[in-house]
Amino acid sequence: MRIVIFGAGLIGSQLQDRLRAGGHDAVALGREAGIDTTTGQGVAAAVAGADVVVDLTNSPSWADDDVLAFFRDSTAHLVAAEAAAGVGHHVILSIVGADRLTDAGYMRAKLAQEAGVRDGAVPYTIVRSTQFFEFIAGIADAGTDGATVRATPAHLQPIASRDVVARLAEVVTGAPVGGTVEIAGPEPLGIDELVRRWLAATGDGRTVVSDPQAGYFGAVLDDAALTPTPGAGAWLAPTTLDGWLADRA
């Protein structure tokens, strides 16, 4: 199977390697490949002959207007080029709870990306994932003031990137769902607790203060905001936070 992955970062590079190990002709394309999905430059040539296209791109700017324009325009160019090339499956990685956090500009942009995929002419699967363990350090930094980290006790159900890749590889090599599937880690944990465990495991001396109003990248959370949708049949990954931290140690 010929699989073209747009985005060669944390997930894209691992996905390329896993698919190749499974015998597929997979390539992950980063910005250095000379492709600009926001203008369409190089997209048609990149998707020629592909059976599946995976969109793992991300905006270089998270300002509300910039990120919305990025996902809207990139999706339009990708889907149009794929339809012309006869691509049989378009897969994107979105975020569990995006539709529940529309106060956040990034979440609104991801919803626009999803809408562009649903409205396009290419069979598709939207994979919504919870946040990755690898993002905990950034969450801690975003809430830091001096030696204190203010973090909400609202729950995430975070997942290891390697587990995201494992499930994503199954989706990519399977039939289009024509809808959304959710994936998540095995346990819901308060963001304050996630940060405390990360700091302890890495020997970081910052102190965590639990603050329900601390927010999360522009949105105030409750326990349901970024955890799997009840009744949606989310796929739960095997790797726990403690197991992931132990592996990193």
C-alpha atoms as a PDB file:
ATOM      1  CA  MET A   1       0.000   0.000   0.000  1.00  0.00           C
ATOM      2  CA  ARG A   2       1.328   3.457  -0.932  1.00  0.00           C
ATOM      3  CA  ILE A   3       0.822   5.821   2.015  1.00  0.00           C
ATOM      4  CA  VAL A   4       1.773   9.502   2.010  1.00  0.00           C
ATOM      5  CA  ILE A   5       2.007  11.229   5.386  1.00  0.00           C
ATOM      6  CA  PHE A   6       2.010  15.024   5.531  1.00  0.00           C
ATOM      7  CA  GLY A   7       3.898  15.928   8.693  1.00  0.00           C
ATOM      8  CA  ALA A   8       7.146  14.255   9.801  1.00  0.00           C
ATOM      9  CA  GLY A   9       7.118  15.199  13.478  1.00  0.00           C
ATOM     10  CA  LEU A  10       6.534  13.147  16.627  1.00  0.00           C
ATOM     11  CA  ILE A  11       3.702  11.046  15.165  1.00  0.00           C
ATOM     12  CA  GLY A  12       4.534  11.192  11.457  1.00  0.00           C
ATOM     13  CA  SER A  13       8.078   9.883  11.757  1.00  0.00           C
ATOM     14  CA  GLN A  14       7.026   7.002  14.012  1.00  0.00           C
ATOM     15  CA  LEU A  15       4.077   6.174  11.753  1.00  0.00           C
ATOM     16  CA  GLN A  16       6.307   6.063   8.679  1.00  0.00           C
ATOM     17  CA  ASP A  17       8.664   3.606  10.387  1.00  0.00           C
ATOM     18  CA  ARG A  18       5.865   1.384  11.666  1.00  0.00           C
ATOM     19  CA  LEU A  19       4.153   1.218   8.277  1.00  0.00           C
ATOM     20  CA  ARG A  20       7.422   0.434   6.516  1.00  0.00           C
ATOM     21  CA  ALA A  21       8.094  -2.332   9.032  1.00  0.00           C
ATOM     22  CA  GLY A  22       4.699  -3.734   8.049  1.00  0.00           C
ATOM     23  CA  GLY A  23       5.693  -3.867   4.392  1.00  0.00           C
ATOM     24  CA  HIS A  24       3.999  -0.694   3.188  1.00  0.00           C
ATOM     25  CA  ASP A  25       5.448   1.984   0.917  1.00  0.00           C
ATOM     26  CA  ALA A  26       5.164   4.909   3.332  1.00  0.00           C
ATOM     27  CA  VAL A  27       6.760   8.340   3.286  1.00  0.00           C
ATOM     28  CA  ALA A  28       6.461  11.175   5.822  1.00  0.00           C
ATOM     29  CA  LEU A  29       6.885  14.618   4.288  1.00  0.00           C
ATOM     30  CA  GLY A  30       7.927  17.606   6.388  1.00  0.00           C
ATOM     31  CA  ARG A  31       8.178  21.263   5.414  1.00  0.00           C
ATOM     32  CA  GLU A  32      11.722  20.668   4.186  1.00  0.00           C
ATOM     33  CA  ALA A  33      10.240  18.645   1.314  1.00  0.00           C
ATOM     34  CA  GLY A  34       9.256  21.926  -0.364  1.00  0.00           C
ATOM     35  CA  ILE A  35       5.520  21.314  -0.036  1.00  0.00           C
ATOM     36  CA  ASP A  36       3.184  24.073   1.156  1.00  0.00           C
ATOM     37  CA  THR A  37      -0.248  22.700   1.953  1.00  0.00           C
ATOM     38  CA  THR A  38      -1.602  26.189   2.641  1.00  0.00           C
ATOM     39  CA  THR A  39      -1.025  27.227  -0.986  1.00  0.00           C
ATOM     40  CA  GLY A  40      -1.156  23.767  -2.537  1.00  0.00           C
ATOM     41  CA  GLN A  41       2.424  23.972  -3.789  1.00  0.00           C
ATOM     42  CA  GLY A  42       3.735  20.458  -4.472  1.00  0.00           C
ATOM     43  CA  VAL A  43       0.661  18.706  -3.083  1.00  0.00           C
ATOM     44  CA  ALA A  44      -0.592  17.179  -6.354  1.00  0.00           C
ATOM     45  CA  ALA A  45       2.786  15.644  -7.120  1.00  0.00           C
ATOM     46  CA  ALA A  46       3.125  14.310  -3.592  1.00  0.00           C
ATOM     47  CA  VAL A  47      -0.216  12.469  -3.581  1.00  0.00           C
ATOM     48  CA  ALA A  48       0.089  11.025  -7.094  1.00  0.00           C
ATOM     49  CA  GLY A  49      -0.192   7.241  -6.873  1.00  0.00           C
ATOM     50  CA  ALA A  50      -1.099   7.206  -3.184  1.00  0.00           C
ATOM     51  CA  ASP A  51      -3.673   4.799  -1.804  1.00  0.00           C
ATOM     52  CA  VAL A  52      -3.930   6.633   1.514  1.00  0.00           C
ATOM     53  CA  VAL A  53      -3.029  10.151   2.638  1.00  0.00           C
ATOM     54  CA  VAL A  54      -2.528  10.958   6.326  1.00  0.00           C
ATOM     55  CA  ASP A  55      -2.692  14.614   7.356  1.00  0.00           C
ATOM     56  CA  LEU A  56      -0.592  15.248  10.468  1.00  0.00           C
ATOM     57  CA  THR A  57       0.262  18.850   9.617  1.00  0.00           C
ATOM     58  CA  ASN A  58       0.186  21.609  12.216  1.00  0.00           C
ATOM     59  CA  SER A  59       0.137  25.365  12.006  1.00  0.00           C
ATOM     60  CA  PRO A  60       3.395  27.218  12.686  1.00  0.00           C
ATOM     61  CA  SER A  61       1.323  29.904  14.452  1.00  0.00           C
ATOM     62  CA  TRP A  62      -1.372  29.198  17.030  1.00  0.00           C
ATOM     63  CA  ALA A  63      -2.900  32.673  16.865  1.00  0.00           C
ATOM     64  CA  ASP A  64      -6.626  32.177  16.377  1.00  0.00           C
ATOM     65  CA  ASP A  65      -6.889  33.576  12.842  1.00  0.00           C
ATOM     66  CA  ASP A  66      -3.640  31.959  11.692  1.00  0.00           C
ATOM     67  CA  VAL A  67      -4.420  28.460  12.877  1.00  0.00           C
ATOM     68  CA  LEU A  68      -7.945  28.591  11.470  1.00  0.00           C
ATOM     69  CA  ALA A  69      -6.658  29.693   8.061  1.00  0.00           C
ATOM     70  CA  PHE A  70      -3.967  27.016   8.143  1.00  0.00           C
ATOM     71  CA  PHE A  71      -6.286  24.061   8.735  1.00  0.00           C
ATOM     72  CA  ARG A  72      -9.027  25.385   6.461  1.00  0.00           C
ATOM     73  CA  ASP A  73      -6.727  26.053   3.508  1.00  0.00           C
ATOM     74  CA  SER A  74      -4.484  23.004   3.956  1.00  0.00           C
ATOM     75  CA  THR A  75      -7.457  20.663   4.124  1.00  0.00           C
ATOM     76  CA  ALA A  76      -9.035  22.163   1.008  1.00  0.00           C
ATOM     77  CA  HIS A  77      -5.833  21.749  -1.013  1.00  0.00           C
ATOM     78  CA  LEU A  78      -5.141  18.217   0.207  1.00  0.00           C
ATOM     79  CA  VAL A  79      -8.657  16.907  -0.364  1.00  0.00           C
ATOM     80  CA  ALA A  80      -8.911  18.486  -3.830  1.00  0.00           C
ATOM     81  CA  ALA A  81      -5.581  17.020  -4.928  1.00  0.00           C
ATOM     82  CA  GLU A  82      -6.482  13.599  -3.542  1.00  0.00           C
ATOM     83  CA  ALA A  83      -9.850  13.574  -5.296  1.00  0.00           C
ATOM     84  CA  ALA A  84      -8.139  14.386  -8.601  1.00  0.00           C
ATOM     85  CA  ALA A  85      -5.549  11.635  -8.019  1.00  0.00           C
ATOM     86  CA  GLY A  86      -8.075   8.979  -7.022  1.00  0.00           C
ATOM     87  CA  VAL A  87      -6.815   8.562  -3.446  1.00  0.00           C
ATOM     88  CA  GLY A  88      -9.038   6.113  -1.607  1.00  0.00           C
ATOM     89  CA  HIS A  89      -8.656   7.140   2.041  1.00  0.00           C
ATOM     90  CA  HIS A  90      -7.895  10.428   3.815  1.00  0.00           C
ATOM     91  CA  VAL A  91      -6.998  10.208   7.514  1.00  0.00           C
ATOM     92  CA  ILE A  92      -6.526  13.088   9.956  1.00  0.00           C
ATOM     93  CA  LEU A  93      -5.530  13.205  13.605  1.00  0.00           C
ATOM     94  CA  SER A  94      -7.780  15.492  15.624  1.00  0.00           C
ATOM     95  CA  ILE A  95      -8.458  16.010  19.332  1.00  0.00           C
ATOM     96  CA  VAL A  96     -10.902  14.344  21.717  1.00  0.00           C
ATOM     97  CA  GLY A  97     -13.183  17.052  23.065  1.00  0.00           C
ATOM     98  CA  ALA A  98     -12.536  19.610  20.330  1.00  0.00           C
ATOM     99  CA  ASP A  99     -16.283  20.097  19.974  1.00  0.00           C
ATOM    100  CA  ARG A 100     -16.609  20.740  23.717  1.00  0.00           C
ATOM    101  CA  LEU A 101     -13.913  23.425  23.923  1.00  0.00           C
ATOM    102  CA  THR A 102     -14.923  25.927  21.279  1.00  0.00           C
ATOM    103  CA  ASP A 103     -13.694  28.808  23.471  1.00  0.00           C
ATOM    104  CA  ALA A 104     -10.199  27.782  22.360  1.00  0.00           C
ATOM    105  CA  GLY A 105      -9.208  29.035  18.915  1.00  0.00           C
ATOM    106  CA  TYR A 106      -7.076  25.966  18.220  1.00  0.00           C
ATOM    107  CA  MET A 107     -10.035  23.663  18.881  1.00  0.00           C
ATOM    108  CA  ARG A 108     -12.238  25.715  16.543  1.00  0.00           C
ATOM    109  CA  ALA A 109      -9.567  25.339  13.877  1.00  0.00           C
ATOM    110  CA  LYS A 110      -9.466  21.555  14.319  1.00  0.00           C
ATOM    111  CA  LEU A 111     -13.247  21.457  13.940  1.00  0.00           C
ATOM    112  CA  ALA A 112     -12.887  23.408  10.692  1.00  0.00           C
ATOM    113  CA  GLN A 113     -10.353  20.832   9.528  1.00  0.00           C
ATOM    114  CA  GLU A 114     -12.778  18.020  10.358  1.00  0.00           C
ATOM    115  CA  ALA A 115     -15.592  19.790   8.490  1.00  0.00           C
ATOM    116  CA  GLY A 116     -13.399  20.176   5.399  1.00  0.00           C
ATOM    117  CA  VAL A 117     -12.700  16.467   5.429  1.00  0.00           C
ATOM    118  CA  ARG A 118     -16.351  15.505   5.880  1.00  0.00           C
ATOM    119  CA  ASP A 119     -17.439  17.858   3.098  1.00  0.00           C
ATOM    120  CA  GLY A 120     -14.782  16.619   0.669  1.00  0.00           C
ATOM    121  CA  ALA A 121     -15.041  13.958  -2.011  1.00  0.00           C
ATOM    122  CA  VAL A 122     -12.462  11.522  -0.565  1.00  0.00           C
ATOM    123  CA  PRO A 123     -13.450   8.635   1.752  1.00  0.00           C
ATOM    124  CA  TYR A 124     -12.118   9.467   5.192  1.00  0.00           C
ATOM    125  CA  THR A 125     -11.506   8.596   8.811  1.00  0.00           C
ATOM    126  CA  ILE A 126     -11.166  11.227  11.552  1.00  0.00           C
ATOM    127  CA  VAL A 127      -9.125   9.940  14.493  1.00  0.00           C
ATOM    128  CA  ARG A 128      -9.627  11.992  17.642  1.00  0.00           C
ATOM    129  CA  SER A 129      -6.930  11.434  20.257  1.00  0.00           C
ATOM    130  CA  THR A 130      -6.477  12.649  23.785  1.00  0.00           C
ATOM    131  CA  GLN A 131      -3.301  14.605  24.588  1.00  0.00           C
ATOM    132  CA  PHE A 132       0.040  12.841  24.505  1.00  0.00           C
ATOM    133  CA  PHE A 133       2.247  12.158  27.536  1.00  0.00           C
ATOM    134  CA  GLU A 134       4.964  13.956  25.586  1.00  0.00           C
ATOM    135  CA  PHE A 135       2.986  17.212  25.989  1.00  0.00           C
ATOM    136  CA  ILE A 136       3.093  17.260  29.809  1.00  0.00           C
ATOM    137  CA  ALA A 137       6.294  19.295  29.905  1.00  0.00           C
ATOM    138  CA  GLY A 138       4.694  21.966  27.709  1.00  0.00           C
ATOM    139  CA  ILE A 139       1.581  22.011  29.881  1.00  0.00           C
ATOM    140  CA  ALA A 140       3.773  22.563  32.932  1.00  0.00           C
ATOM    141  CA  ASP A 141       5.691  25.368  31.267  1.00  0.00           C
ATOM    142  CA  ALA A 142       2.490  27.077  30.118  1.00  0.00           C
ATOM    143  CA  GLY A 143       1.261  27.257  33.731  1.00  0.00           C
ATOM    144  CA  THR A 144       4.558  28.310  35.281  1.00  0.00           C
ATOM    145  CA  ASP A 145       5.070  31.558  37.153  1.00  0.00           C
ATOM    146  CA  GLY A 146       8.486  31.611  38.790  1.00  0.00           C
ATOM    147  CA  ALA A 147       8.876  28.377  40.760  1.00  0.00           C
ATOM    148  CA  THR A 148       5.132  27.652  40.808  1.00  0.00           C
ATOM    149  CA  VAL A 149       2.973  25.801  38.297  1.00  0.00           C
ATOM    150  CA  ARG A 150      -0.751  26.523  38.437  1.00  0.00           C
ATOM    151  CA  ALA A 151      -2.649  23.570  36.984  1.00  0.00           C
ATOM    152  CA  THR A 152      -6.296  22.565  36.943  1.00  0.00           C
ATOM    153  CA  PRO A 153      -7.422  19.336  38.629  1.00  0.00           C
ATOM    154  CA  ALA A 154      -9.743  18.722  35.656  1.00  0.00           C
ATOM    155  CA  HIS A 155      -9.059  15.401  34.008  1.00  0.00           C
ATOM    156  CA  LEU A 156      -7.185  14.401  30.909  1.00  0.00           C
ATOM    157  CA  GLN A 157      -6.893  10.797  29.744  1.00  0.00           C
ATOM    158  CA  PRO A 158      -3.458  11.118  28.150  1.00  0.00           C
ATOM    159  CA  ILE A 159      -1.837   8.618  25.814  1.00  0.00           C
ATOM    160  CA  ALA A 160       1.693   7.674  24.781  1.00  0.00           C
ATOM    161  CA  SER A 161       2.588   8.733  21.249  1.00  0.00           C
ATOM    162  CA  ARG A 162       3.725   5.189  20.472  1.00  0.00           C
ATOM    163  CA  ASP A 163       0.208   3.943  21.264  1.00  0.00           C
ATOM    164  CA  VAL A 164      -1.278   6.640  19.036  1.00  0.00           C
ATOM    165  CA  VAL A 165       0.960   5.407  16.231  1.00  0.00           C
ATOM    166  CA  ALA A 166       0.019   1.766  16.789  1.00  0.00           C
ATOM    167  CA  ARG A 167      -3.711   2.471  16.529  1.00  0.00           C
ATOM    168  CA  LEU A 168      -3.278   5.006  13.745  1.00  0.00           C
ATOM    169  CA  ALA A 169      -1.396   2.429  11.661  1.00  0.00           C
ATOM    170  CA  GLU A 170      -4.362   0.083  11.966  1.00  0.00           C
ATOM    171  CA  VAL A 171      -6.769   2.803  10.876  1.00  0.00           C
ATOM    172  CA  VAL A 172      -4.580   3.887   7.961  1.00  0.00           C
ATOM    173  CA  THR A 173      -4.315   0.365   6.560  1.00  0.00           C
ATOM    174  CA  GLY A 174      -7.996  -0.373   7.098  1.00  0.00           C
ATOM    175  CA  ALA A 175     -11.140   0.706   5.290  1.00  0.00           C
ATOM    176  CA  PRO A 176     -12.398   4.299   5.615  1.00  0.00           C
ATOM    177  CA  VAL A 177     -14.859   4.691   8.480  1.00  0.00           C
ATOM    178  CA  GLY A 178     -16.658   7.701   7.041  1.00  0.00           C
ATOM    179  CA  GLY A 179     -16.788   9.151  10.529  1.00  0.00           C
ATOM    180  CA  THR A 180     -14.868   9.642  13.753  1.00  0.00           C
ATOM    181  CA  VAL A 181     -13.063   7.213  16.052  1.00  0.00           C
ATOM    182  CA  GLU A 182     -11.634   8.121  19.459  1.00  0.00           C
ATOM    183  CA  ILE A 183      -8.452   6.905  21.106  1.00  0.00           C
ATOM    184  CA  ALA A 184      -7.271   7.601  24.652  1.00  0.00           C
ATOM    185  CA  GLY A 185      -4.929   6.513  27.390  1.00  0.00           C
ATOM    186  CA  PRO A 186      -5.999   3.942  29.986  1.00  0.00           C
ATOM    187  CA  GLU A 187      -6.609   6.255  32.965  1.00  0.00           C
ATOM    188  CA  PRO A 188      -8.135   9.696  33.599  1.00  0.00           C
ATOM    189  CA  LEU A 189      -5.862  11.899  35.673  1.00  0.00           C
ATOM    190  CA  GLY A 190      -6.049  15.490  36.884  1.00  0.00           C
ATOM    191  CA  ILE A 191      -3.748  17.814  34.974  1.00  0.00           C
ATOM    192  CA  ASP A 192      -2.277  18.944  38.321  1.00  0.00           C
ATOM    193  CA  GLU A 193      -1.449  15.316  39.134  1.00  0.00           C
ATOM    194  CA  LEU A 194       0.049  14.731  35.695  1.00  0.00           C
ATOM    195  CA  VAL A 195       2.350  17.706  36.150  1.00  0.00           C
ATOM    196  CA  ARG A 196       3.316  16.679  39.703  1.00  0.00           C
ATOM    197  CA  ARG A 197       4.323  13.201  38.553  1.00  0.00           C
ATOM    198  CA  TRP A 198       6.274  14.589  35.609  1.00  0.00           C
ATOM    199  CA  LEU A 199       8.165  17.074  37.785  1.00  0.00           C
ATOM    200  CA  ALA A 200       8.952  14.403  40.385  1.00  0.00           C
ATOM    201  CA  ALA A 201      10.153  11.955  37.753  1.00  0.00           C
ATOM    202  CA  THR A 202      12.427  14.526  36.120  1.00  0.00           C
ATOM    203  CA  GLY A 203      13.788  16.025  39.340  1.00  0.00           C
ATOM    204  CA  ASP A 204      12.182  19.396  38.663  1.00  0.00           C
ATOM    205  CA  GLY A 205      11.773  21.474  41.831  1.00  0.00           C
ATOM    206  CA  ARG A 206       8.768  23.519  40.768  1.00  0.00           C
ATOM    207  CA  THR A 207       5.705  23.374  43.024  1.00  0.00           C
ATOM    208  CA  VAL A 208       2.267  22.590  41.617  1.00  0.00           C
ATOM    209  CA  VAL A 209      -0.734  24.560  42.864  1.00  0.00           C
ATOM    210  CA  SER A 210      -4.131  23.091  42.026  1.00  0.00           C
ATOM    211  CA  ASP A 211      -6.332  25.781  40.493  1.00  0.00           C
ATOM    212  CA  PRO A 212      -9.661  24.929  38.783  1.00  0.00           C
ATOM    213  CA  GLN A 213      -9.519  28.268  36.963  1.00  0.00           C
ATOM    214  CA  ALA A 214      -6.015  27.729  35.604  1.00  0.00           C
ATOM    215  CA  GLY A 215      -7.403  26.767  32.211  1.00  0.00           C
ATOM    216  CA  TYR A 216      -5.841  24.888  29.364  1.00  0.00           C
ATOM    217  CA  PHE A 217      -4.555  26.873  26.382  1.00  0.00           C
ATOM    218  CA  GLY A 218      -7.354  29.413  26.600  1.00  0.00           C
ATOM    219  CA  ALA A 219     -10.195  27.229  27.888  1.00  0.00           C
ATOM    220  CA  VAL A 220     -11.465  26.363  31.376  1.00  0.00           C
ATOM    221  CA  LEU A 221     -11.971  22.611  31.740  1.00  0.00           C
ATOM    222  CA  ASP A 222     -14.262  20.248  33.552  1.00  0.00           C
ATOM    223  CA  ASP A 223     -13.619  16.517  33.939  1.00  0.00           C
ATOM    224  CA  ALA A 224     -15.504  15.660  30.735  1.00  0.00           C
ATOM    225  CA  ALA A 225     -13.930  18.202  28.393  1.00  0.00           C
ATOM    226  CA  LEU A 226     -10.854  16.257  27.289  1.00  0.00           C
ATOM    227  CA  THR A 227     -11.794  12.681  28.133  1.00  0.00           C
ATOM    228  CA  PRO A 228     -13.420  10.157  25.770  1.00  0.00           C
ATOM    229  CA  THR A 229     -17.042  10.704  24.808  1.00  0.00           C
ATOM    230  CA  PRO A 230     -19.311   8.387  26.828  1.00  0.00           C
ATOM    231  CA  GLY A 231     -20.698   5.628  24.642  1.00  0.00           C
ATOM    232  CA  ALA A 232     -18.382   6.411  21.730  1.00  0.00           C
ATOM    233  CA  GLY A 233     -16.447   3.162  22.145  1.00  0.00           C
ATOM    234  CA  ALA A 234     -13.037   4.798  22.422  1.00  0.00           C
ATOM    235  CA  TRP A 235     -10.002   2.576  21.930  1.00  0.00           C
ATOM    236  CA  LEU A 236      -7.966   2.601  25.148  1.00  0.00           C
ATOM    237  CA  ALA A 237      -4.197   2.310  24.926  1.00  0.00           C
ATOM    238  CA  PRO A 238      -2.162  -0.009  27.186  1.00  0.00           C
ATOM    239  CA  THR A 239       0.584   2.345  28.398  1.00  0.00           C
ATOM    240  CA  THR A 240       0.014   4.036  31.774  1.00  0.00           C
ATOM    241  CA  LEU A 241       1.695   7.265  32.828  1.00  0.00           C
ATOM    242  CA  ASP A 242       3.803   5.441  35.421  1.00  0.00           C
ATOM    243  CA  GLY A 243       4.851   2.876  32.836  1.00  0.00           C
ATOM    244  CA  TRP A 244       5.782   5.612  30.364  1.00  0.00           C
ATOM    245  CA  LEU A 245       7.768   7.523  32.960  1.00  0.00           C
ATOM    246  CA  ALA A 246       9.582   4.326  33.976  1.00  0.00           C
ATOM    247  CA  ASP A 247      10.494   3.633  30.352  1.00  0.00           C
ATOM    248  CA  ARG A 248      11.910   7.142  29.975  1.00  0.00           C
ATOM    249  CA  ALA A 249      13.934   6.778  33.162  1.00  0.00           C
END
